[in-house]
Structures are given as structure tokens and as C-alpha cells.
PDB file of N, CA and C in Angstrom:
ATOM      1  N   MET A   1      -3.592 -59.907  28.242  1.00  0.00           N
ATOM      2  CA  MET A   1      -3.583 -58.579  28.788  1.00  0.00           C
ATOM      3  C   MET A   1      -3.078 -57.600  27.785  1.00  0.00           C
ATOM      4  N   THR A   2      -2.095 -57.929  27.046  1.00  0.00           N
ATOM      5  CA  THR A   2      -1.546 -57.110  25.958  1.00  0.00           C
ATOM      6  C   THR A   2      -2.637 -56.816  24.923  1.00  0.00           C
ATOM      7  N   ASP A   3      -3.539 -57.763  24.624  1.00  0.00           N
ATOM      8  CA  ASP A   3      -4.549 -57.508  23.608  1.00  0.00           C
ATOM      9  C   ASP A   3      -5.472 -56.449  24.069  1.00  0.00           C
ATOM     10  N   ILE A   4      -5.756 -56.274  25.390  1.00  0.00           N
ATOM     11  CA  ILE A   4      -6.655 -55.289  25.873  1.00  0.00           C
ATOM     12  C   ILE A   4      -6.042 -53.924  25.850  1.00  0.00           C
ATOM     13  N   ARG A   5      -4.741 -53.852  26.216  1.00  0.00           N
ATOM     14  CA  ARG A   5      -4.010 -52.584  26.313  1.00  0.00           C
ATOM     15  C   ARG A   5      -3.836 -51.959  24.945  1.00  0.00           C
ATOM     16  N   ILE A   6      -3.564 -52.695  23.883  1.00  0.00           N
ATOM     17  CA  ILE A   6      -3.247 -52.188  22.612  1.00  0.00           C
ATOM     18  C   ILE A   6      -4.443 -51.375  22.065  1.00  0.00           C
ATOM     19  N   PRO A   7      -5.648 -51.928  22.119  1.00  0.00           N
ATOM     20  CA  PRO A   7      -6.782 -51.118  21.645  1.00  0.00           C
ATOM     21  C   PRO A   7      -6.979 -49.858  22.538  1.00  0.00           C
ATOM     22  N   GLU A   8      -6.747 -49.894  23.803  1.00  0.00           N
ATOM     23  CA  GLU A   8      -6.810 -48.725  24.634  1.00  0.00           C
ATOM     24  C   GLU A   8      -5.795 -47.684  24.280  1.00  0.00           C
ATOM     25  N   GLN A   9      -4.591 -48.108  23.996  1.00  0.00           N
ATOM     26  CA  GLN A   9      -3.511 -47.206  23.648  1.00  0.00           C
ATOM     27  C   GLN A   9      -3.843 -46.612  22.293  1.00  0.00           C
ATOM     28  N   LEU A  10      -4.322 -47.393  21.304  1.00  0.00           N
ATOM     29  CA  LEU A  10      -4.750 -46.903  20.028  1.00  0.00           C
ATOM     30  C   LEU A  10      -5.871 -45.919  20.140  1.00  0.00           C
ATOM     31  N   ASN A  11      -6.851 -46.199  21.016  1.00  0.00           N
ATOM     32  CA  ASN A  11      -7.922 -45.281  21.224  1.00  0.00           C
ATOM     33  C   ASN A  11      -7.430 -44.000  21.809  1.00  0.00           C
ATOM     34  N   HIS A  12      -6.581 -44.045  22.781  1.00  0.00           N
ATOM     35  CA  HIS A  12      -6.013 -42.853  23.375  1.00  0.00           C
ATOM     36  C   HIS A  12      -5.191 -42.067  22.375  1.00  0.00           C
ATOM     37  N   LEU A  13      -4.431 -42.751  21.553  1.00  0.00           N
ATOM     38  CA  LEU A  13      -3.622 -42.123  20.498  1.00  0.00           C
ATOM     39  C   LEU A  13      -4.585 -41.390  19.480  1.00  0.00           C
ATOM     40  N   ALA A  14      -5.695 -42.061  19.117  1.00  0.00           N
ATOM     41  CA  ALA A  14      -6.625 -41.540  18.160  1.00  0.00           C
ATOM     42  C   ALA A  14      -7.240 -40.281  18.789  1.00  0.00           C
ATOM     43  N   GLU A  15      -7.648 -40.314  20.043  1.00  0.00           N
ATOM     44  CA  GLU A  15      -8.252 -39.170  20.718  1.00  0.00           C
ATOM     45  C   GLU A  15      -7.289 -38.022  20.797  1.00  0.00           C
ATOM     46  N   SER A  16      -6.013 -38.318  21.134  1.00  0.00           N
ATOM     47  CA  SER A  16      -5.046 -37.272  21.098  1.00  0.00           C
ATOM     48  C   SER A  16      -4.816 -36.626  19.747  1.00  0.00           C
ATOM     49  N   ALA A  17      -4.846 -37.413  18.680  1.00  0.00           N
ATOM     50  CA  ALA A  17      -4.693 -36.936  17.304  1.00  0.00           C
ATOM     51  C   ALA A  17      -5.838 -36.002  16.937  1.00  0.00           C
ATOM     52  N   GLN A  18      -7.023 -36.509  17.350  1.00  0.00           N
ATOM     53  CA  GLN A  18      -8.262 -35.737  17.042  1.00  0.00           C
ATOM     54  C   GLN A  18      -8.256 -34.405  17.806  1.00  0.00           C
ATOM     55  N   ALA A  19      -7.841 -34.383  19.031  1.00  0.00           N
ATOM     56  CA  ALA A  19      -7.745 -33.174  19.829  1.00  0.00           C
ATOM     57  C   ALA A  19      -6.715 -32.218  19.229  1.00  0.00           C
ATOM     58  N   GLY A  20      -5.600 -32.787  18.781  1.00  0.00           N
ATOM     59  CA  GLY A  20      -4.577 -31.935  18.090  1.00  0.00           C
ATOM     60  C   GLY A  20      -5.069 -31.372  16.799  1.00  0.00           C
ATOM     61  N   ALA A  21      -5.806 -32.127  16.030  1.00  0.00           N
ATOM     62  CA  ALA A  21      -6.361 -31.649  14.783  1.00  0.00           C
ATOM     63  C   ALA A  21      -7.380 -30.576  15.062  1.00  0.00           C
ATOM     64  N   HIS A  22      -8.169 -30.716  16.114  1.00  0.00           N
ATOM     65  CA  HIS A  22      -9.103 -29.692  16.405  1.00  0.00           C
ATOM     66  C   HIS A  22      -8.435 -28.360  16.846  1.00  0.00           C
ATOM     67  N   ASP A  23      -7.388 -28.533  17.691  1.00  0.00           N
ATOM     68  CA  ASP A  23      -6.583 -27.314  18.114  1.00  0.00           C
ATOM     69  C   ASP A  23      -5.958 -26.662  16.924  1.00  0.00           C
ATOM     70  N   ALA A  24      -5.444 -27.450  15.968  1.00  0.00           N
ATOM     71  CA  ALA A  24      -4.751 -26.848  14.812  1.00  0.00           C
ATOM     72  C   ALA A  24      -5.818 -26.164  13.921  1.00  0.00           C
ATOM     73  N   ALA A  25      -6.975 -26.702  13.762  1.00  0.00           N
ATOM     74  CA  ALA A  25      -7.999 -26.109  12.985  1.00  0.00           C
ATOM     75  C   ALA A  25      -8.460 -24.743  13.611  1.00  0.00           C
ATOM     76  N   HIS A  26      -8.564 -24.795  14.944  1.00  0.00           N
ATOM     77  CA  HIS A  26      -8.910 -23.527  15.679  1.00  0.00           C
ATOM     78  C   HIS A  26      -7.839 -22.503  15.461  1.00  0.00           C
ATOM     79  N   LEU A  27      -6.603 -22.863  15.553  1.00  0.00           N
ATOM     80  CA  LEU A  27      -5.496 -21.879  15.410  1.00  0.00           C
ATOM     81  C   LEU A  27      -5.472 -21.350  13.928  1.00  0.00           C
ATOM     82  N   LEU A  28      -5.700 -22.205  12.983  1.00  0.00           N
ATOM     83  CA  LEU A  28      -5.743 -21.789  11.622  1.00  0.00           C
ATOM     84  C   LEU A  28      -6.918 -20.772  11.322  1.00  0.00           C
ATOM     85  N   ASN A  29      -8.048 -21.074  11.910  1.00  0.00           N
ATOM     86  CA  ASN A  29      -9.179 -20.198  11.769  1.00  0.00           C
ATOM     87  C   ASN A  29      -8.884 -18.817  12.419  1.00  0.00           C
ATOM     88  N   ARG A  30      -8.248 -18.790  13.591  1.00  0.00           N
ATOM     89  CA  ARG A  30      -7.895 -17.503  14.171  1.00  0.00           C
ATOM     90  C   ARG A  30      -6.862 -16.784  13.342  1.00  0.00           C
ATOM     91  N   ALA A  31      -5.900 -17.500  12.796  1.00  0.00           N
ATOM     92  CA  ALA A  31      -4.878 -16.830  11.937  1.00  0.00           C
ATOM     93  C   ALA A  31      -5.591 -16.253  10.664  1.00  0.00           C
ATOM     94  N   ALA A  32      -6.467 -16.995  10.081  1.00  0.00           N
ATOM     95  CA  ALA A  32      -7.187 -16.525   8.868  1.00  0.00           C
ATOM     96  C   ALA A  32      -7.994 -15.250   9.233  1.00  0.00           C
ATOM     97  N   ASP A  33      -8.688 -15.312  10.384  1.00  0.00           N
ATOM     98  CA  ASP A  33      -9.453 -14.132  10.825  1.00  0.00           C
ATOM     99  C   ASP A  33      -8.540 -12.899  11.025  1.00  0.00           C
ATOM    100  N   HIS A  34      -7.387 -13.166  11.659  1.00  0.00           N
ATOM    101  CA  HIS A  34      -6.458 -12.056  11.934  1.00  0.00           C
ATOM    102  C   HIS A  34      -5.870 -11.526  10.621  1.00  0.00           C
ATOM    103  N   ALA A  35      -5.614 -12.382   9.693  1.00  0.00           N
ATOM    104  CA  ALA A  35      -5.035 -11.943   8.315  1.00  0.00           C
ATOM    105  C   ALA A  35      -6.155 -11.118   7.637  1.00  0.00           C
ATOM    106  N   GLY A  36      -7.378 -11.480   7.724  1.00  0.00           N
ATOM    107  CA  GLY A  36      -8.482 -10.771   7.110  1.00  0.00           C
ATOM    108  C   GLY A  36      -8.610  -9.357   7.743  1.00  0.00           C
ATOM    109  N   GLU A  37      -8.478  -9.279   9.029  1.00  0.00           N
ATOM    110  CA  GLU A  37      -8.558  -7.989   9.702  1.00  0.00           C
ATOM    111  C   GLU A  37      -7.391  -7.054   9.270  1.00  0.00           C
ATOM    112  N   ILE A  38      -6.239  -7.647   9.190  1.00  0.00           N
ATOM    113  CA  ILE A  38      -5.019  -6.854   8.766  1.00  0.00           C
ATOM    114  C   ILE A  38      -5.201  -6.400   7.325  1.00  0.00           C
ATOM    115  N   ALA A  39      -5.712  -7.254   6.464  1.00  0.00           N
ATOM    116  CA  ALA A  39      -5.895  -6.824   5.054  1.00  0.00           C
ATOM    117  C   ALA A  39      -6.968  -5.683   5.018  1.00  0.00           C
ATOM    118  N   GLN A  40      -8.052  -5.792   5.831  1.00  0.00           N
ATOM    119  CA  GLN A  40      -9.057  -4.789   5.785  1.00  0.00           C
ATOM    120  C   GLN A  40      -8.528  -3.466   6.309  1.00  0.00           C
ATOM    121  N   ARG A  41      -7.719  -3.500   7.415  1.00  0.00           N
ATOM    122  CA  ARG A  41      -7.165  -2.279   7.912  1.00  0.00           C
ATOM    123  C   ARG A  41      -6.176  -1.639   6.928  1.00  0.00           C
ATOM    124  N   SER A  42      -5.434  -2.480   6.197  1.00  0.00           N
ATOM    125  CA  SER A  42      -4.504  -1.983   5.185  1.00  0.00           C
ATOM    126  C   SER A  42      -5.208  -1.317   4.023  1.00  0.00           C
ATOM    127  N   LEU A  43      -6.288  -1.987   3.610  1.00  0.00           N
ATOM    128  CA  LEU A  43      -7.173  -1.395   2.586  1.00  0.00           C
ATOM    129  C   LEU A  43      -7.775  -0.054   2.948  1.00  0.00           C
ATOM    130  N   ASP A  44      -8.263   0.025   4.157  1.00  0.00           N
ATOM    131  CA  ASP A  44      -8.778   1.264   4.691  1.00  0.00           C
ATOM    132  C   ASP A  44      -7.725   2.366   4.766  1.00  0.00           C
ATOM    133  N   ALA A  45      -6.480   1.982   5.144  1.00  0.00           N
ATOM    134  CA  ALA A  45      -5.370   2.965   5.249  1.00  0.00           C
ATOM    135  C   ALA A  45      -5.018   3.499   3.849  1.00  0.00           C
ATOM    136  N   VAL A  46      -5.002   2.612   2.869  1.00  0.00           N
ATOM    137  CA  VAL A  46      -4.688   3.028   1.496  1.00  0.00           C
ATOM    138  C   VAL A  46      -5.787   3.913   0.951  1.00  0.00           C
ATOM    139  N   ARG A  47      -7.035   3.568   1.223  1.00  0.00           N
ATOM    140  CA  ARG A  47      -8.116   4.379   0.769  1.00  0.00           C
ATOM    141  C   ARG A  47      -8.087   5.730   1.415  1.00  0.00           C
ATOM    142  N   ASP A  48      -7.811   5.753   2.707  1.00  0.00           N
ATOM    143  CA  ASP A  48      -7.750   7.086   3.412  1.00  0.00           C
ATOM    144  C   ASP A  48      -6.595   7.907   2.909  1.00  0.00           C
ATOM    145  N   SER A  49      -5.471   7.276   2.588  1.00  0.00           N
ATOM    146  CA  SER A  49      -4.288   8.005   2.112  1.00  0.00           C
ATOM    147  C   SER A  49      -4.621   8.572   0.749  1.00  0.00           C
ATOM    148  N   GLY A  50      -5.265   7.784  -0.039  1.00  0.00           N
ATOM    149  CA  GLY A  50      -5.624   8.253  -1.455  1.00  0.00           C
ATOM    150  C   GLY A  50      -6.605   9.457  -1.353  1.00  0.00           C
ATOM    151  N   ARG A  51      -7.527   9.363  -0.437  1.00  0.00           N
ATOM    152  CA  ARG A  51      -8.483  10.474  -0.292  1.00  0.00           C
ATOM    153  C   ARG A  51      -7.781  11.705   0.193  1.00  0.00           C
ATOM    154  N   HIS A  52      -6.819  11.523   1.119  1.00  0.00           N
ATOM    155  CA  HIS A  52      -6.099  12.639   1.705  1.00  0.00           C
ATOM    156  C   HIS A  52      -5.207  13.304   0.570  1.00  0.00           C
ATOM    157  N   LEU A  53      -4.553  12.549  -0.227  1.00  0.00           N
ATOM    158  CA  LEU A  53      -3.737  13.061  -1.309  1.00  0.00           C
ATOM    159  C   LEU A  53      -4.638  13.778  -2.338  1.00  0.00           C
ATOM    160  N   ARG A  54      -5.751  13.222  -2.659  1.00  0.00           N
ATOM    161  CA  ARG A  54      -6.682  13.889  -3.619  1.00  0.00           C
ATOM    162  C   ARG A  54      -7.149  15.260  -3.040  1.00  0.00           C
ATOM    163  N   ASP A  55      -7.466  15.289  -1.780  1.00  0.00           N
ATOM    164  CA  ASP A  55      -7.895  16.509  -1.123  1.00  0.00           C
ATOM    165  C   ASP A  55      -6.700  17.578  -1.126  1.00  0.00           C
ATOM    166  N   ARG A  56      -5.517  17.139  -0.853  1.00  0.00           N
ATOM    167  CA  ARG A  56      -4.373  18.065  -0.860  1.00  0.00           C
ATOM    168  C   ARG A  56      -4.129  18.597  -2.303  1.00  0.00           C
ATOM    169  N   ALA A  57      -4.239  17.730  -3.271  1.00  0.00           N
ATOM    170  CA  ALA A  57      -3.963  18.165  -4.666  1.00  0.00           C
ATOM    171  C   ALA A  57      -5.026  19.169  -5.051  1.00  0.00           C
ATOM    172  N   HIS A  58      -6.291  18.925  -4.688  1.00  0.00           N
ATOM    173  CA  HIS A  58      -7.350  19.870  -5.012  1.00  0.00           C
ATOM    174  C   HIS A  58      -7.113  21.194  -4.338  1.00  0.00           C
ATOM    175  N   HIS A  59      -6.763  21.158  -3.025  1.00  0.00           N
ATOM    176  CA  HIS A  59      -6.449  22.403  -2.294  1.00  0.00           C
ATOM    177  C   HIS A  59      -5.256  23.177  -2.939  1.00  0.00           C
ATOM    178  N   ALA A  60      -4.164  22.486  -3.301  1.00  0.00           N
ATOM    179  CA  ALA A  60      -3.058  23.064  -3.961  1.00  0.00           C
ATOM    180  C   ALA A  60      -3.453  23.741  -5.288  1.00  0.00           C
ATOM    181  N   GLY A  61      -4.267  23.019  -6.046  1.00  0.00           N
ATOM    182  CA  GLY A  61      -4.744  23.627  -7.312  1.00  0.00           C
ATOM    183  C   GLY A  61      -5.565  24.860  -7.087  1.00  0.00           C
ATOM    184  N   ALA A  62      -6.412  24.818  -6.105  1.00  0.00           N
ATOM    185  CA  ALA A  62      -7.230  25.994  -5.820  1.00  0.00           C
ATOM    186  C   ALA A  62      -6.375  27.171  -5.354  1.00  0.00           C
ATOM    187  N   GLU A  63      -5.359  26.901  -4.539  1.00  0.00           N
ATOM    188  CA  GLU A  63      -4.428  27.963  -4.109  1.00  0.00           C
ATOM    189  C   GLU A  63      -3.656  28.515  -5.315  1.00  0.00           C
ATOM    190  N   THR A  64      -3.182  27.630  -6.169  1.00  0.00           N
ATOM    191  CA  THR A  64      -2.467  28.084  -7.369  1.00  0.00           C
ATOM    192  C   THR A  64      -3.310  28.962  -8.257  1.00  0.00           C
ATOM    193  N   ARG A  65      -4.572  28.575  -8.491  1.00  0.00           N
ATOM    194  CA  ARG A  65      -5.482  29.429  -9.282  1.00  0.00           C
ATOM    195  C   ARG A  65      -5.645  30.747  -8.637  1.00  0.00           C
ATOM    196  N   THR A  66      -5.829  30.792  -7.360  1.00  0.00           N
ATOM    197  CA  THR A  66      -6.028  32.033  -6.627  1.00  0.00           C
ATOM    198  C   THR A  66      -4.767  32.940  -6.781  1.00  0.00           C
ATOM    199  N   TRP A  67      -3.595  32.320  -6.613  1.00  0.00           N
ATOM    200  CA  TRP A  67      -2.356  33.107  -6.704  1.00  0.00           C
ATOM    201  C   TRP A  67      -2.169  33.639  -8.138  1.00  0.00           C
ATOM    202  N   VAL A  68      -2.455  32.784  -9.130  1.00  0.00           N
ATOM    203  CA  VAL A  68      -2.285  33.289 -10.516  1.00  0.00           C
ATOM    204  C   VAL A  68      -3.232  34.425 -10.824  1.00  0.00           C
ATOM    205  N   ARG A  69      -4.471  34.325 -10.263  1.00  0.00           N
ATOM    206  CA  ARG A  69      -5.458  35.375 -10.424  1.00  0.00           C
ATOM    207  C   ARG A  69      -4.954  36.653  -9.773  1.00  0.00           C
ATOM    208  N   ASP A  70      -4.396  36.560  -8.520  1.00  0.00           N
ATOM    209  CA  ASP A  70      -3.982  37.685  -7.815  1.00  0.00           C
ATOM    210  C   ASP A  70      -2.600  38.257  -8.328  1.00  0.00           C
ATOM    211  N   GLU A  71      -1.801  37.433  -8.931  1.00  0.00           N
ATOM    212  CA  GLU A  71      -0.410  37.840  -9.366  1.00  0.00           C
ATOM    213  C   GLU A  71      -0.244  37.383 -10.861  1.00  0.00           C
ATOM    214  N   PRO A  72      -0.955  37.928 -11.789  1.00  0.00           N
ATOM    215  CA  PRO A  72      -0.888  37.424 -13.188  1.00  0.00           C
ATOM    216  C   PRO A  72       0.525  37.710 -13.763  1.00  0.00           C
ATOM    217  N   VAL A  73       1.179  38.867 -13.497  1.00  0.00           N
ATOM    218  CA  VAL A  73       2.413  39.169 -14.085  1.00  0.00           C
ATOM    219  C   VAL A  73       3.462  38.310 -13.564  1.00  0.00           C
ATOM    220  N   LYS A  74       3.515  38.089 -12.274  1.00  0.00           N
ATOM    221  CA  LYS A  74       4.524  37.182 -11.638  1.00  0.00           C
ATOM    222  C   LYS A  74       4.378  35.821 -12.168  1.00  0.00           C
ATOM    223  N   SER A  75       3.158  35.278 -12.286  1.00  0.00           N
ATOM    224  CA  SER A  75       2.946  33.926 -12.740  1.00  0.00           C
ATOM    225  C   SER A  75       3.295  33.783 -14.184  1.00  0.00           C
ATOM    226  N   LEU A  76       3.150  34.790 -14.970  1.00  0.00           N
ATOM    227  CA  LEU A  76       3.516  34.736 -16.435  1.00  0.00           C
ATOM    228  C   LEU A  76       5.030  34.724 -16.497  1.00  0.00           C
ATOM    229  N   LEU A  77       5.686  35.540 -15.724  1.00  0.00           N
ATOM    230  CA  LEU A  77       7.195  35.567 -15.706  1.00  0.00           C
ATOM    231  C   LEU A  77       7.742  34.250 -15.232  1.00  0.00           C
ATOM    232  N   ILE A  78       7.180  33.649 -14.222  1.00  0.00           N
ATOM    233  CA  ILE A  78       7.655  32.375 -13.702  1.00  0.00           C
ATOM    234  C   ILE A  78       7.445  31.256 -14.759  1.00  0.00           C
ATOM    235  N   ALA A  79       6.268  31.302 -15.430  1.00  0.00           N
ATOM    236  CA  ALA A  79       6.000  30.300 -16.427  1.00  0.00           C
ATOM    237  C   ALA A  79       7.038  30.456 -17.575  1.00  0.00           C
ATOM    238  N   ALA A  80       7.291  31.673 -18.012  1.00  0.00           N
ATOM    239  CA  ALA A  80       8.242  31.898 -19.152  1.00  0.00           C
ATOM    240  C   ALA A  80       9.673  31.498 -18.721  1.00  0.00           C
ATOM    241  N   ALA A  81      10.047  31.797 -17.455  1.00  0.00           N
ATOM    242  CA  ALA A  81      11.414  31.364 -17.050  1.00  0.00           C
ATOM    243  C   ALA A  81      11.533  29.895 -16.931  1.00  0.00           C
ATOM    244  N   THR A  82      10.473  29.295 -16.453  1.00  0.00           N
ATOM    245  CA  THR A  82      10.473  27.796 -16.361  1.00  0.00           C
ATOM    246  C   THR A  82      10.533  27.153 -17.754  1.00  0.00           C
ATOM    247  N   GLY A  83       9.795  27.647 -18.695  1.00  0.00           N
ATOM    248  CA  GLY A  83       9.819  27.171 -20.046  1.00  0.00           C
ATOM    249  C   GLY A  83      11.232  27.370 -20.714  1.00  0.00           C
ATOM    250  N   ALA A  84      11.874  28.510 -20.401  1.00  0.00           N
ATOM    251  CA  ALA A  84      13.194  28.823 -20.946  1.00  0.00           C
ATOM    252  C   ALA A  84      14.237  27.776 -20.369  1.00  0.00           C
ATOM    253  N   VAL A  85      14.136  27.568 -19.050  1.00  0.00           N
ATOM    254  CA  VAL A  85      15.091  26.666 -18.428  1.00  0.00           C
ATOM    255  C   VAL A  85      14.892  25.220 -18.959  1.00  0.00           C
ATOM    256  N   LEU A  86      13.654  24.836 -19.104  1.00  0.00           N
ATOM    257  CA  LEU A  86      13.383  23.485 -19.639  1.00  0.00           C
ATOM    258  C   LEU A  86      13.868  23.326 -21.094  1.00  0.00           C
ATOM    259  N   THR A  87      13.679  24.372 -21.866  1.00  0.00           N
ATOM    260  CA  THR A  87      14.123  24.311 -23.292  1.00  0.00           C
ATOM    261  C   THR A  87      15.652  24.220 -23.267  1.00  0.00           C
ATOM    262  N   LEU A  88      16.350  24.956 -22.444  1.00  0.00           N
ATOM    263  CA  LEU A  88      17.773  24.923 -22.372  1.00  0.00           C
ATOM    264  C   LEU A  88      18.265  23.559 -21.957  1.00  0.00           C
ATOM    265  N   LEU A  89      17.671  22.960 -20.893  1.00  0.00           N
ATOM    266  CA  LEU A  89      18.065  21.633 -20.453  1.00  0.00           C
ATOM    267  C   LEU A  89      17.828  20.632 -21.548  1.00  0.00           C
ATOM    268  N   ILE A  90      16.685  20.617 -22.218  1.00  0.00           N
ATOM    269  CA  ILE A  90      16.440  19.631 -23.266  1.00  0.00           C
ATOM    270  C   ILE A  90      17.461  19.789 -24.361  1.00  0.00           C
ATOM    271  N   GLY A  91      17.789  21.048 -24.761  1.00  0.00           N
ATOM    272  CA  GLY A  91      18.792  21.303 -25.745  1.00  0.00           C
ATOM    273  C   GLY A  91      20.134  20.789 -25.390  1.00  0.00           C
ATOM    274  N   LEU A  92      20.569  21.010 -24.128  1.00  0.00           N
ATOM    275  CA  LEU A  92      21.825  20.481 -23.654  1.00  0.00           C
ATOM    276  C   LEU A  92      21.845  18.956 -23.652  1.00  0.00           C
ATOM    277  N   LEU A  93      20.812  18.367 -23.195  1.00  0.00           N
ATOM    278  CA  LEU A  93      20.716  16.854 -23.101  1.00  0.00           C
ATOM    279  C   LEU A  93      20.819  16.324 -24.535  1.00  0.00           C
ATOM    280  N   GLY A  94      20.065  16.913 -25.437  1.00  0.00           N
ATOM    281  CA  GLY A  94      20.113  16.467 -26.866  1.00  0.00           C
ATOM    282  C   GLY A  94      21.524  16.518 -27.486  1.00  0.00           C
ATOM    283  N   ARG A  95      22.254  17.577 -27.167  1.00  0.00           N
ATOM    284  CA  ARG A  95      23.611  17.714 -27.660  1.00  0.00           C
ATOM    285  C   ARG A  95      24.557  16.721 -27.073  1.00  0.00           C
ATOM    286  N   SER A  96      24.424  16.509 -25.703  1.00  0.00           N
ATOM    287  CA  SER A  96      25.307  15.582 -25.072  1.00  0.00           C
ATOM    288  C   SER A  96      25.103  14.145 -25.603  1.00  0.00           C
ATOM    289  N   ARG A  97      23.846  13.787 -25.929  1.00  0.00           N
ATOM    290  CA  ARG A  97      23.625  12.462 -26.457  1.00  0.00           C
ATOM    291  C   ARG A  97      24.134  12.298 -27.861  1.00  0.00           C
ATOM    292  N   ARG A  98      24.125  13.407 -28.654  1.00  0.00           N
ATOM    293  CA  ARG A  98      24.625  13.292 -30.023  1.00  0.00           C
ATOM    294  C   ARG A  98      26.167  13.201 -29.976  1.00  0.00           C
ATOM    295  N   GLY A  99      26.749  13.786 -28.952  1.00  0.00           N
ATOM    296  CA  GLY A  99      28.198  13.773 -28.871  1.00  0.00           C
ATOM    297  C   GLY A  99      28.806  12.449 -28.407  1.00  0.00           C
ATOM    298  N   ASP A 100      28.000  11.582 -27.859  1.00  0.00           N
ATOM    299  CA  ASP A 100      28.470  10.255 -27.303  1.00  0.00           C
ATOM    300  C   ASP A 100      28.792   9.324 -28.332  1.00  0.00           C
TER     301      ASP A 100
END
């Protein structure tokens, strides 16, 4: 009687292992599909963000050109003041490094 039961138990064990392997494969496929969907959504979001930033930069550039055209004296004074401040800062940084 034990000879008959051992093959049955082995058969049952093999069927259980096969069912477990099938379930695991199904779960792995679902996880891979889900990961693919997340990657695609992330790529779409990055692409949309890049497009949005490019549009904003273009709009800011257009507004700046319009403002410079409408206010040439102010824009020239601002550019000169900015250049003077940057020159002063670069000079100060150069001196402080030489003094170290």
C-alpha cells in the first residue's frame, strides 16, 4: 500500500509545484507589464515637462525682446549696471584667492 501512495503523493507534489510555477510566472508577467506602464508614464511626464520648459523659455525670451524694444534706455542701463557688478565681484574674488 505504501508503494501506491508514494507515487500519488509525488504526483500531487509535482502538480502543486507546477501550479505554483504557473502562478509565479503570471505574477512576474503582471509585474513586468506594470513596470513598463510606469516607465512609459515617467517618460511621457519628462517629455511633457521638457516641452513646457521650452515653451516658457521661448515666451520669456519673447517678452524680454519686447521689453528691450519698448524700453531701450532702461535695458541699456540695467545691462551696464549688471556688467559693472559682475566685474566688481570677479575682481573681489580674484583678490581674495590671491590673498590666501
